[in-house]
Structures are given as structure tokens and as C-alpha cells.
């Protein structure tokens, strides 16, 4: 059976999100995205909480529930110092990157 993630819910968290001001004017798109799918024949759920700030940098958290284990990853470079930590296994992190575009391995 093939590995896959399906987007099941996406909510915009910034009530002021606006494509005209999303680069550095406060209208940043900050989605909360929930995925469900299969990995190695087992159910997996992934939640990505993106609170990035346009030209000021990226900030997001990835939460994974797989095979009864919860893991996570946090990334923040808004201060221009990459701060990251997490415990998502590399094979799952690579799968999430491929399916969602979010890097989540430390």
C-alpha cells in the first residue's frame, strides 16, 4: 500500500491575512493544516502550525502521531538565528517534506 497524506482541515489563523500585505505588512498567511494518511501501512496524522511572518522569517511546528507515538519538530528563524529542535524520525520527516513541503528533521 502506498504512503500518502490527505489534507483534512486547513484554517487561517491570522484574521488579517492579505496577499497585498503578506510580505512585510502584517497580512501573513499563517495556516493550521491537518493531514491524515498512511505510512508503512499504518495510520499517520500530521498537524502543521505555521506562524511565519513573511519577509521577517519562518516559524512553524509539526506534530505527528504515528503508531501510538507522538513526535514533533519546531523551526524558527524570525530572529535570524535558526532555532530548531525535534524528534521526528528521518524517514517520516522525509515523507512529510515530500507530501507537504515542510522540512521537519533535526
PDB file of N, CA and C in Angstrom:
ATOM      1  N   UNK A   1       0.838  -1.172   0.000  1.00  0.00           N
ATOM      2  CA  UNK A   1       0.000   0.000   0.000  1.00  0.00           C
ATOM      3  C   UNK A   1       0.891   1.247   0.000  1.00  0.00           C
ATOM      4  N   UNK A   2       0.523   2.240  -0.788  1.00  0.00           N
ATOM      5  CA  UNK A   2       1.331   3.445  -0.955  1.00  0.00           C
ATOM      6  C   UNK A   2       1.183   4.408   0.230  1.00  0.00           C
ATOM      7  N   UNK A   3       2.266   5.072   0.538  1.00  0.00           N
ATOM      8  CA  UNK A   3       2.241   6.119   1.565  1.00  0.00           C
ATOM      9  C   UNK A   3       1.547   7.351   0.999  1.00  0.00           C
ATOM     10  N   UNK A   4       0.733   8.016   1.823  1.00  0.00           N
ATOM     11  CA  UNK A   4       0.086   9.247   1.381  1.00  0.00           C
ATOM     12  C   UNK A   4      -0.367  10.073   2.575  1.00  0.00           C
ATOM     13  N   UNK A   5      -0.524  11.358   2.345  1.00  0.00           N
ATOM     14  CA  UNK A   5      -1.154  12.264   3.297  1.00  0.00           C
ATOM     15  C   UNK A   5      -2.258  13.007   2.556  1.00  0.00           C
ATOM     16  N   UNK A   6      -3.384  13.162   3.223  1.00  0.00           N
ATOM     17  CA  UNK A   6      -4.516  13.888   2.661  1.00  0.00           C
ATOM     18  C   UNK A   6      -4.844  15.046   3.598  1.00  0.00           C
ATOM     19  N   UNK A   7      -4.956  16.248   3.041  1.00  0.00           N
ATOM     20  CA  UNK A   7      -5.332  17.413   3.835  1.00  0.00           C
ATOM     21  C   UNK A   7      -6.791  17.260   4.250  1.00  0.00           C
ATOM     22  N   UNK A   8      -7.051  17.269   5.566  1.00  0.00           N
ATOM     23  CA  UNK A   8      -8.423  17.096   6.059  1.00  0.00           C
ATOM     24  C   UNK A   8      -8.984  18.373   6.677  1.00  0.00           C
ATOM     25  N   UNK A   9      -8.110  19.322   7.011  1.00  0.00           N
ATOM     26  CA  UNK A   9      -8.586  20.587   7.569  1.00  0.00           C
ATOM     27  C   UNK A   9      -7.495  21.639   7.423  1.00  0.00           C
ATOM     28  N   UNK A  10      -7.911  22.835   7.049  1.00  0.00           N
ATOM     29  CA  UNK A  10      -6.968  23.955   6.956  1.00  0.00           C
ATOM     30  C   UNK A  10      -7.708  25.205   7.408  1.00  0.00           C
ATOM     31  N   UNK A  11      -7.115  25.874   8.387  1.00  0.00           N
ATOM     32  CA  UNK A  11      -7.712  27.099   8.915  1.00  0.00           C
ATOM     33  C   UNK A  11      -6.671  28.208   8.894  1.00  0.00           C
ATOM     34  N   UNK A  12      -7.074  29.374   8.442  1.00  0.00           N
ATOM     35  CA  UNK A  12      -6.200  30.540   8.501  1.00  0.00           C
ATOM     36  C   UNK A  12      -6.251  31.092   9.920  1.00  0.00           C
ATOM     37  N   UNK A  13      -5.080  31.269  10.533  1.00  0.00           N
ATOM     38  CA  UNK A  13      -5.017  31.730  11.918  1.00  0.00           C
ATOM     39  C   UNK A  13      -4.874  33.245  12.041  1.00  0.00           C
ATOM     40  N   UNK A  14      -4.459  33.904  10.980  1.00  0.00           N
ATOM     41  CA  UNK A  14      -4.280  35.356  11.010  1.00  0.00           C
ATOM     42  C   UNK A  14      -5.508  36.006  10.384  1.00  0.00           C
ATOM     43  N   UNK A  15      -6.323  36.617  11.199  1.00  0.00           N
ATOM     44  CA  UNK A  15      -7.559  37.230  10.688  1.00  0.00           C
ATOM     45  C   UNK A  15      -7.269  38.381   9.730  1.00  0.00           C
ATOM     46  N   UNK A  16      -6.023  38.870   9.691  1.00  0.00           N
ATOM     47  CA  UNK A  16      -5.646  39.971   8.804  1.00  0.00           C
ATOM     48  C   UNK A  16      -4.874  39.492   7.572  1.00  0.00           C
ATOM     49  N   UNK A  17      -4.849  38.188   7.317  1.00  0.00           N
ATOM     50  CA  UNK A  17      -4.125  37.650   6.163  1.00  0.00           C
ATOM     51  C   UNK A  17      -4.610  38.328   4.883  1.00  0.00           C
ATOM     52  N   UNK A  18      -3.633  38.773   4.072  1.00  0.00           N
ATOM     53  CA  UNK A  18      -3.968  39.528   2.875  1.00  0.00           C
ATOM     54  C   UNK A  18      -2.797  39.425   1.911  1.00  0.00           C
ATOM     55  N   UNK A  19      -3.055  39.025   0.687  1.00  0.00           N
ATOM     56  CA  UNK A  19      -1.976  38.841  -0.283  1.00  0.00           C
ATOM     57  C   UNK A  19      -1.259  40.148  -0.610  1.00  0.00           C
ATOM     58  N   UNK A  20      -1.902  41.301  -0.399  1.00  0.00           N
ATOM     59  CA  UNK A  20      -1.258  42.589  -0.665  1.00  0.00           C
ATOM     60  C   UNK A  20      -0.259  42.987   0.419  1.00  0.00           C
ATOM     61  N   UNK A  21      -0.414  42.455   1.621  1.00  0.00           N
ATOM     62  CA  UNK A  21       0.470  42.843   2.730  1.00  0.00           C
ATOM     63  C   UNK A  21       1.180  41.649   3.365  1.00  0.00           C
ATOM     64  N   UNK A  22       1.194  40.518   2.698  1.00  0.00           N
ATOM     65  CA  UNK A  22       1.749  39.308   3.319  1.00  0.00           C
ATOM     66  C   UNK A  22       3.275  39.262   3.320  1.00  0.00           C
ATOM     67  N   UNK A  23       3.944  40.108   2.595  1.00  0.00           N
ATOM     68  CA  UNK A  23       5.404  40.046   2.548  1.00  0.00           C
ATOM     69  C   UNK A  23       6.028  40.680   3.791  1.00  0.00           C
ATOM     70  N   UNK A  24       5.613  41.889   4.152  1.00  0.00           N
ATOM     71  CA  UNK A  24       6.172  42.513   5.344  1.00  0.00           C
ATOM     72  C   UNK A  24       5.215  43.538   5.960  1.00  0.00           C
ATOM     73  N   UNK A  25       3.936  43.394   5.690  1.00  0.00           N
ATOM     74  CA  UNK A  25       2.982  44.366   6.183  1.00  0.00           C
ATOM     75  C   UNK A  25       1.958  43.829   7.156  1.00  0.00           C
ATOM     76  N   UNK A  26       2.165  42.632   7.681  1.00  0.00           N
ATOM     77  CA  UNK A  26       1.268  42.097   8.701  1.00  0.00           C
ATOM     78  C   UNK A  26       0.211  41.133   8.203  1.00  0.00           C
ATOM     79  N   UNK A  27       0.011  41.058   6.899  1.00  0.00           N
ATOM     80  CA  UNK A  27      -1.033  40.177   6.365  1.00  0.00           C
ATOM     81  C   UNK A  27      -0.538  38.779   6.056  1.00  0.00           C
ATOM     82  N   UNK A  28       0.329  38.258   6.904  1.00  0.00           N
ATOM     83  CA  UNK A  28       0.970  36.971   6.669  1.00  0.00           C
ATOM     84  C   UNK A  28      -0.050  35.837   6.670  1.00  0.00           C
ATOM     85  N   UNK A  29       0.116  34.909   5.753  1.00  0.00           N
ATOM     86  CA  UNK A  29      -0.692  33.701   5.763  1.00  0.00           C
ATOM     87  C   UNK A  29      -0.098  32.764   6.810  1.00  0.00           C
ATOM     88  N   UNK A  30      -0.908  32.336   7.760  1.00  0.00           N
ATOM     89  CA  UNK A  30      -0.453  31.506   8.869  1.00  0.00           C
ATOM     90  C   UNK A  30      -1.429  30.334   9.051  1.00  0.00           C
ATOM     91  N   UNK A  31      -1.351  29.359   8.136  1.00  0.00           N
ATOM     92  CA  UNK A  31      -2.320  28.263   8.183  1.00  0.00           C
ATOM     93  C   UNK A  31      -2.028  27.224   9.267  1.00  0.00           C
ATOM     94  N   UNK A  32      -3.094  26.676   9.795  1.00  0.00           N
ATOM     95  CA  UNK A  32      -3.044  25.490  10.640  1.00  0.00           C
ATOM     96  C   UNK A  32      -3.597  24.375   9.773  1.00  0.00           C
ATOM     97  N   UNK A  33      -2.757  23.404   9.418  1.00  0.00           N
ATOM     98  CA  UNK A  33      -3.133  22.353   8.465  1.00  0.00           C
ATOM     99  C   UNK A  33      -3.080  20.988   9.132  1.00  0.00           C
ATOM    100  N   UNK A  34      -4.130  20.204   8.935  1.00  0.00           N
ATOM    101  CA  UNK A  34      -4.201  18.861   9.497  1.00  0.00           C
ATOM    102  C   UNK A  34      -4.293  17.844   8.360  1.00  0.00           C
ATOM    103  N   UNK A  35      -3.460  16.816   8.459  1.00  0.00           N
ATOM    104  CA  UNK A  35      -3.383  15.771   7.451  1.00  0.00           C
ATOM    105  C   UNK A  35      -3.618  14.406   8.098  1.00  0.00           C
ATOM    106  N   UNK A  36      -4.157  13.492   7.324  1.00  0.00           N
ATOM    107  CA  UNK A  36      -4.260  12.085   7.726  1.00  0.00           C
ATOM    108  C   UNK A  36      -3.827  11.238   6.544  1.00  0.00           C
ATOM    109  N   UNK A  37      -3.305  10.059   6.843  1.00  0.00           N
ATOM    110  CA  UNK A  37      -2.873   9.195   5.757  1.00  0.00           C
ATOM    111  C   UNK A  37      -2.302   7.891   6.259  1.00  0.00           C
ATOM    112  N   UNK A  38      -1.468   7.312   5.399  1.00  0.00           N
ATOM    113  CA  UNK A  38      -0.804   6.051   5.701  1.00  0.00           C
ATOM    114  C   UNK A  38       0.690   6.187   5.501  1.00  0.00           C
ATOM    115  N   UNK A  39       1.429   5.535   6.397  1.00  0.00           N
ATOM    116  CA  UNK A  39       2.877   5.439   6.266  1.00  0.00           C
ATOM    117  C   UNK A  39       3.264   4.034   6.689  1.00  0.00           C
ATOM    118  N   UNK A  40       3.948   3.327   5.826  1.00  0.00           N
ATOM    119  CA  UNK A  40       4.327   1.929   6.083  1.00  0.00           C
ATOM    120  C   UNK A  40       3.128   1.084   6.506  1.00  0.00           C
ATOM    121  N   UNK A  41       1.979   1.332   5.876  1.00  0.00           N
ATOM    122  CA  UNK A  41       0.781   0.544   6.132  1.00  0.00           C
ATOM    123  C   UNK A  41       0.051   0.887   7.423  1.00  0.00           C
ATOM    124  N   UNK A  42       0.488   1.934   8.120  1.00  0.00           N
ATOM    125  CA  UNK A  42      -0.148   2.334   9.383  1.00  0.00           C
ATOM    126  C   UNK A  42      -0.654   3.767   9.269  1.00  0.00           C
ATOM    127  N   UNK A  43      -1.723   4.055  10.029  1.00  0.00           N
ATOM    128  CA  UNK A  43      -2.298   5.399  10.025  1.00  0.00           C
ATOM    129  C   UNK A  43      -1.316   6.408  10.618  1.00  0.00           C
ATOM    130  N   UNK A  44      -1.303   7.588  10.006  1.00  0.00           N
ATOM    131  CA  UNK A  44      -0.468   8.688  10.479  1.00  0.00           C
ATOM    132  C   UNK A  44      -1.300   9.960  10.422  1.00  0.00           C
ATOM    133  N   UNK A  45      -1.133  10.804  11.433  1.00  0.00           N
ATOM    134  CA  UNK A  45      -1.748  12.130  11.392  1.00  0.00           C
ATOM    135  C   UNK A  45      -0.648  13.165  11.617  1.00  0.00           C
ATOM    136  N   UNK A  46      -0.777  14.266  10.892  1.00  0.00           N
ATOM    137  CA  UNK A  46       0.225  15.331  10.926  1.00  0.00           C
ATOM    138  C   UNK A  46      -0.501  16.661  11.044  1.00  0.00           C
ATOM    139  N   UNK A  47      -0.050  17.490  11.963  1.00  0.00           N
ATOM    140  CA  UNK A  47      -0.595  18.836  12.120  1.00  0.00           C
ATOM    141  C   UNK A  47       0.563  19.814  11.959  1.00  0.00           C
ATOM    142  N   UNK A  48       0.370  20.823  11.104  1.00  0.00           N
ATOM    143  CA  UNK A  48       1.397  21.839  10.878  1.00  0.00           C
ATOM    144  C   UNK A  48       0.818  23.193  11.267  1.00  0.00           C
ATOM    145  N   UNK A  49       1.453  23.814  12.234  1.00  0.00           N
ATOM    146  CA  UNK A  49       1.046  25.109  12.766  1.00  0.00           C
ATOM    147  C   UNK A  49       2.060  26.141  12.278  1.00  0.00           C
ATOM    148  N   UNK A  50       1.720  26.853  11.210  1.00  0.00           N
ATOM    149  CA  UNK A  50       2.637  27.786  10.560  1.00  0.00           C
ATOM    150  C   UNK A  50       2.314  29.212  11.001  1.00  0.00           C
ATOM    151  N   UNK A  51       3.226  29.826  11.740  1.00  0.00           N
ATOM    152  CA  UNK A  51       3.048  31.205  12.176  1.00  0.00           C
ATOM    153  C   UNK A  51       4.178  32.078  11.612  1.00  0.00           C
ATOM    154  N   UNK A  52       4.588  31.772  10.387  1.00  0.00           N
ATOM    155  CA  UNK A  52       5.644  32.527   9.715  1.00  0.00           C
ATOM    156  C   UNK A  52       5.215  33.977   9.502  1.00  0.00           C
ATOM    157  N   UNK A  53       6.215  34.848   9.307  1.00  0.00           N
ATOM    158  CA  UNK A  53       5.953  36.288   9.202  1.00  0.00           C
ATOM    159  C   UNK A  53       6.573  36.886   7.949  1.00  0.00           C
ATOM    160  N   UNK A  54       6.219  36.377   6.793  1.00  0.00           N
ATOM    161  CA  UNK A  54       6.645  36.941   5.521  1.00  0.00           C
ATOM    162  C   UNK A  54       8.140  37.151   5.428  1.00  0.00           C
ATOM    163  N   UNK A  55       8.533  38.378   5.081  1.00  0.00           N
ATOM    164  CA  UNK A  55       9.947  38.707   4.900  1.00  0.00           C
ATOM    165  C   UNK A  55      10.739  38.627   6.198  1.00  0.00           C
ATOM    166  N   UNK A  56      10.046  38.601   7.336  1.00  0.00           N
ATOM    167  CA  UNK A  56      10.737  38.544   8.619  1.00  0.00           C
ATOM    168  C   UNK A  56      11.191  37.145   8.983  1.00  0.00           C
ATOM    169  N   UNK A  57      10.667  36.111   8.313  1.00  0.00           N
ATOM    170  CA  UNK A  57      11.153  34.765   8.547  1.00  0.00           C
ATOM    171  C   UNK A  57      10.071  33.722   8.716  1.00  0.00           C
ATOM    172  N   UNK A  58      10.540  32.493   8.882  1.00  0.00           N
ATOM    173  CA  UNK A  58       9.656  31.345   9.047  1.00  0.00           C
ATOM    174  C   UNK A  58       9.593  30.920  10.506  1.00  0.00           C
ATOM    175  N   UNK A  59       8.407  30.440  10.889  1.00  0.00           N
ATOM    176  CA  UNK A  59       8.230  29.852  12.222  1.00  0.00           C
ATOM    177  C   UNK A  59       7.075  28.862  12.093  1.00  0.00           C
ATOM    178  N   UNK A  60       7.357  27.602  12.409  1.00  0.00           N
ATOM    179  CA  UNK A  60       6.303  26.595  12.347  1.00  0.00           C
ATOM    180  C   UNK A  60       6.620  25.418  13.244  1.00  0.00           C
ATOM    181  N   UNK A  61       5.554  24.709  13.618  1.00  0.00           N
ATOM    182  CA  UNK A  61       5.659  23.489  14.407  1.00  0.00           C
ATOM    183  C   UNK A  61       4.959  22.374  13.647  1.00  0.00           C
ATOM    184  N   UNK A  62       5.533  21.180  13.719  1.00  0.00           N
ATOM    185  CA  UNK A  62       4.948  19.995  13.096  1.00  0.00           C
ATOM    186  C   UNK A  62       4.722  18.969  14.196  1.00  0.00           C
ATOM    187  N   UNK A  63       3.501  18.465  14.277  1.00  0.00           N
ATOM    188  CA  UNK A  63       3.134  17.448  15.266  1.00  0.00           C
ATOM    189  C   UNK A  63       2.723  16.184  14.519  1.00  0.00           C
ATOM    190  N   UNK A  64       3.261  15.046  14.951  1.00  0.00           N
ATOM    191  CA  UNK A  64       2.997  13.773  14.271  1.00  0.00           C
ATOM    192  C   UNK A  64       2.507  12.745  15.282  1.00  0.00           C
ATOM    193  N   UNK A  65       1.472  12.024  14.903  1.00  0.00           N
ATOM    194  CA  UNK A  65       1.012  10.876  15.678  1.00  0.00           C
ATOM    195  C   UNK A  65       1.094   9.680  14.740  1.00  0.00           C
ATOM    196  N   UNK A  66       1.976   8.743  15.077  1.00  0.00           N
ATOM    197  CA  UNK A  66       2.184   7.568  14.228  1.00  0.00           C
ATOM    198  C   UNK A  66       2.445   6.354  15.100  1.00  0.00           C
ATOM    199  N   UNK A  67       1.673   5.324  14.872  1.00  0.00           N
ATOM    200  CA  UNK A  67       1.867   4.046  15.544  1.00  0.00           C
ATOM    201  C   UNK A  67       1.863   4.203  17.075  1.00  0.00           C
ATOM    202  N   UNK A  68       0.969   5.068  17.571  1.00  0.00           N
ATOM    203  CA  UNK A  68       0.840   5.261  19.010  1.00  0.00           C
ATOM    204  C   UNK A  68       1.885   6.151  19.643  1.00  0.00           C
ATOM    205  N   UNK A  69       2.725   6.770  18.817  1.00  0.00           N
ATOM    206  CA  UNK A  69       3.789   7.633  19.323  1.00  0.00           C
ATOM    207  C   UNK A  69       3.604   9.045  18.781  1.00  0.00           C
ATOM    208  N   UNK A  70       3.749  10.026  19.664  1.00  0.00           N
ATOM    209  CA  UNK A  70       3.682  11.420  19.245  1.00  0.00           C
ATOM    210  C   UNK A  70       5.091  11.997  19.193  1.00  0.00           C
ATOM    211  N   UNK A  71       5.405  12.654  18.076  1.00  0.00           N
ATOM    212  CA  UNK A  71       6.699  13.307  17.893  1.00  0.00           C
ATOM    213  C   UNK A  71       6.441  14.715  17.360  1.00  0.00           C
ATOM    214  N   UNK A  72       7.481  15.534  17.328  1.00  0.00           N
ATOM    215  CA  UNK A  72       7.292  16.894  16.847  1.00  0.00           C
ATOM    216  C   UNK A  72       8.581  17.540  16.399  1.00  0.00           C
ATOM    217  N   UNK A  73       8.413  18.701  15.795  1.00  0.00           N
ATOM    218  CA  UNK A  73       9.539  19.481  15.288  1.00  0.00           C
ATOM    219  C   UNK A  73       9.146  20.950  15.332  1.00  0.00           C
ATOM    220  N   UNK A  74      10.071  21.810  15.736  1.00  0.00           N
ATOM    221  CA  UNK A  74       9.854  23.257  15.743  1.00  0.00           C
ATOM    222  C   UNK A  74      10.991  23.937  15.003  1.00  0.00           C
ATOM    223  N   UNK A  75      10.623  24.953  14.220  1.00  0.00           N
ATOM    224  CA  UNK A  75      11.611  25.740  13.488  1.00  0.00           C
ATOM    225  C   UNK A  75      11.258  27.214  13.634  1.00  0.00           C
ATOM    226  N   UNK A  76      12.279  28.055  13.872  1.00  0.00           N
ATOM    227  CA  UNK A  76      12.067  29.497  13.994  1.00  0.00           C
ATOM    228  C   UNK A  76      13.333  30.212  13.540  1.00  0.00           C
ATOM    229  N   UNK A  77      13.230  30.989  12.471  1.00  0.00           N
ATOM    230  CA  UNK A  77      14.382  31.806  12.060  1.00  0.00           C
ATOM    231  C   UNK A  77      14.008  33.284  11.979  1.00  0.00           C
ATOM    232  N   UNK A  78      12.931  33.658  12.656  1.00  0.00           N
ATOM    233  CA  UNK A  78      12.496  35.051  12.639  1.00  0.00           C
ATOM    234  C   UNK A  78      13.546  35.958  13.277  1.00  0.00           C
ATOM    235  N   UNK A  79      14.253  35.475  14.279  1.00  0.00           N
ATOM    236  CA  UNK A  79      15.311  36.265  14.911  1.00  0.00           C
ATOM    237  C   UNK A  79      16.602  36.239  14.093  1.00  0.00           C
ATOM    238  N   UNK A  80      16.550  35.584  12.937  1.00  0.00           N
ATOM    239  CA  UNK A  80      17.706  35.396  12.043  1.00  0.00           C
ATOM    240  C   UNK A  80      18.719  34.407  12.598  1.00  0.00           C
ATOM    241  N   UNK A  81      18.376  33.754  13.674  1.00  0.00           N
ATOM    242  CA  UNK A  81      19.175  32.647  14.191  1.00  0.00           C
ATOM    243  C   UNK A  81      18.290  31.411  14.068  1.00  0.00           C
ATOM    244  N   UNK A  82      18.696  30.465  13.240  1.00  0.00           N
ATOM    245  CA  UNK A  82      17.880  29.261  13.086  1.00  0.00           C
ATOM    246  C   UNK A  82      17.804  28.524  14.414  1.00  0.00           C
ATOM    247  N   UNK A  83      16.604  28.405  14.935  1.00  0.00           N
ATOM    248  CA  UNK A  83      16.354  27.646  16.155  1.00  0.00           C
ATOM    249  C   UNK A  83      15.473  26.485  15.753  1.00  0.00           C
ATOM    250  N   UNK A  84      15.962  25.282  15.966  1.00  0.00           N
ATOM    251  CA  UNK A  84      15.168  24.113  15.614  1.00  0.00           C
ATOM    252  C   UNK A  84      15.433  22.988  16.595  1.00  0.00           C
ATOM    253  N   UNK A  85      14.393  22.205  16.821  1.00  0.00           N
ATOM    254  CA  UNK A  85      14.533  21.007  17.629  1.00  0.00           C
ATOM    255  C   UNK A  85      13.374  20.090  17.300  1.00  0.00           C
ATOM    256  N   UNK A  86      13.602  18.806  17.489  1.00  0.00           N
ATOM    257  CA  UNK A  86      12.543  17.852  17.207  1.00  0.00           C
ATOM    258  C   UNK A  86      13.016  16.429  17.342  1.00  0.00           C
ATOM    259  N   UNK A  87      12.043  15.539  17.243  1.00  0.00           N
ATOM    260  CA  UNK A  87      12.363  14.111  17.368  1.00  0.00           C
ATOM    261  C   UNK A  87      11.588  13.251  16.367  1.00  0.00           C
ATOM    262  N   UNK A  88      11.241  13.821  15.232  1.00  0.00           N
ATOM    263  CA  UNK A  88      10.565  13.049  14.186  1.00  0.00           C
ATOM    264  C   UNK A  88      11.612  12.192  13.472  1.00  0.00           C
ATOM    265  N   UNK A  89      11.374  10.880  13.342  1.00  0.00           N
ATOM    266  CA  UNK A  89      12.333  10.022  12.626  1.00  0.00           C
ATOM    267  C   UNK A  89      12.545  10.502  11.191  1.00  0.00           C
ATOM    268  N   UNK A  90      13.764  10.351  10.689  1.00  0.00           N
ATOM    269  CA  UNK A  90      14.126  10.872   9.368  1.00  0.00           C
ATOM    270  C   UNK A  90      13.235  10.335   8.255  1.00  0.00           C
ATOM    271  N   UNK A  91      12.893   9.056   8.263  1.00  0.00           N
ATOM    272  CA  UNK A  91      12.069   8.530   7.168  1.00  0.00           C
ATOM    273  C   UNK A  91      10.679   9.178   7.151  1.00  0.00           C
ATOM    274  N   UNK A  92      10.113   9.439   8.329  1.00  0.00           N
ATOM    275  CA  UNK A  92       8.813  10.107   8.407  1.00  0.00           C
ATOM    276  C   UNK A  92       8.971  11.576   8.028  1.00  0.00           C
ATOM    277  N   UNK A  93      10.049  12.218   8.479  1.00  0.00           N
ATOM    278  CA  UNK A  93      10.299  13.622   8.130  1.00  0.00           C
ATOM    279  C   UNK A  93      10.441  13.783   6.617  1.00  0.00           C
ATOM    280  N   UNK A  94      11.155  12.888   5.967  1.00  0.00           N
ATOM    281  CA  UNK A  94      11.316  12.940   4.512  1.00  0.00           C
ATOM    282  C   UNK A  94       9.961  12.788   3.812  1.00  0.00           C
ATOM    283  N   UNK A  95       9.134  11.895   4.314  1.00  0.00           N
ATOM    284  CA  UNK A  95       7.789  11.684   3.778  1.00  0.00           C
ATOM    285  C   UNK A  95       6.949  12.951   3.931  1.00  0.00           C
ATOM    286  N   UNK A  96       6.981  13.577   5.105  1.00  0.00           N
ATOM    287  CA  UNK A  96       6.215  14.807   5.340  1.00  0.00           C
ATOM    288  C   UNK A  96       6.701  15.921   4.415  1.00  0.00           C
ATOM    289  N   UNK A  97       8.016  16.060   4.247  1.00  0.00           N
ATOM    290  CA  UNK A  97       8.569  17.071   3.343  1.00  0.00           C
ATOM    291  C   UNK A  97       8.058  16.854   1.927  1.00  0.00           C
ATOM    292  N   UNK A  98       8.070  15.617   1.481  1.00  0.00           N
ATOM    293  CA  UNK A  98       7.611  15.295   0.127  1.00  0.00           C
ATOM    294  C   UNK A  98       6.125  15.605  -0.042  1.00  0.00           C
ATOM    295  N   UNK A  99       5.325  15.308   0.969  1.00  0.00           N
ATOM    296  CA  UNK A  99       3.873  15.462   0.864  1.00  0.00           C
ATOM    297  C   UNK A  99       3.388  16.891   1.132  1.00  0.00           C
ATOM    298  N   UNK A 100       4.097  17.645   1.987  1.00  0.00           N
ATOM    299  CA  UNK A 100       3.590  18.955   2.405  1.00  0.00           C
ATOM    300  C   UNK A 100       4.510  20.118   2.048  1.00  0.00           C
ATOM    301  N   UNK A 101       5.779  19.834   1.817  1.00  0.00           N
ATOM    302  CA  UNK A 101       6.745  20.886   1.561  1.00  0.00           C
ATOM    303  C   UNK A 101       7.431  21.411   2.815  1.00  0.00           C
ATOM    304  N   UNK A 102       7.018  20.950   3.979  1.00  0.00           N
ATOM    305  CA  UNK A 102       7.615  21.407   5.231  1.00  0.00           C
ATOM    306  C   UNK A 102       8.742  20.472   5.657  1.00  0.00           C
ATOM    307  N   UNK A 103       9.913  21.054   5.891  1.00  0.00           N
ATOM    308  CA  UNK A 103      11.069  20.325   6.407  1.00  0.00           C
ATOM    309  C   UNK A 103      10.864  20.137   7.898  1.00  0.00           C
ATOM    310  N   UNK A 104      11.132  18.932   8.409  1.00  0.00           N
ATOM    311  CA  UNK A 104      10.894  18.709   9.847  1.00  0.00           C
ATOM    312  C   UNK A 104      11.824  17.660  10.451  1.00  0.00           C
ATOM    313  N   UNK A 105      13.112  17.757  10.129  1.00  0.00           N
ATOM    314  CA  UNK A 105      14.076  16.826  10.735  1.00  0.00           C
ATOM    315  C   UNK A 105      15.240  17.628  11.305  1.00  0.00           C
ATOM    316  N   UNK A 106      15.613  17.284  12.519  1.00  0.00           N
ATOM    317  CA  UNK A 106      16.742  17.972  13.173  1.00  0.00           C
ATOM    318  C   UNK A 106      17.835  16.964  13.451  1.00  0.00           C
TER     319      UNK A 106
END
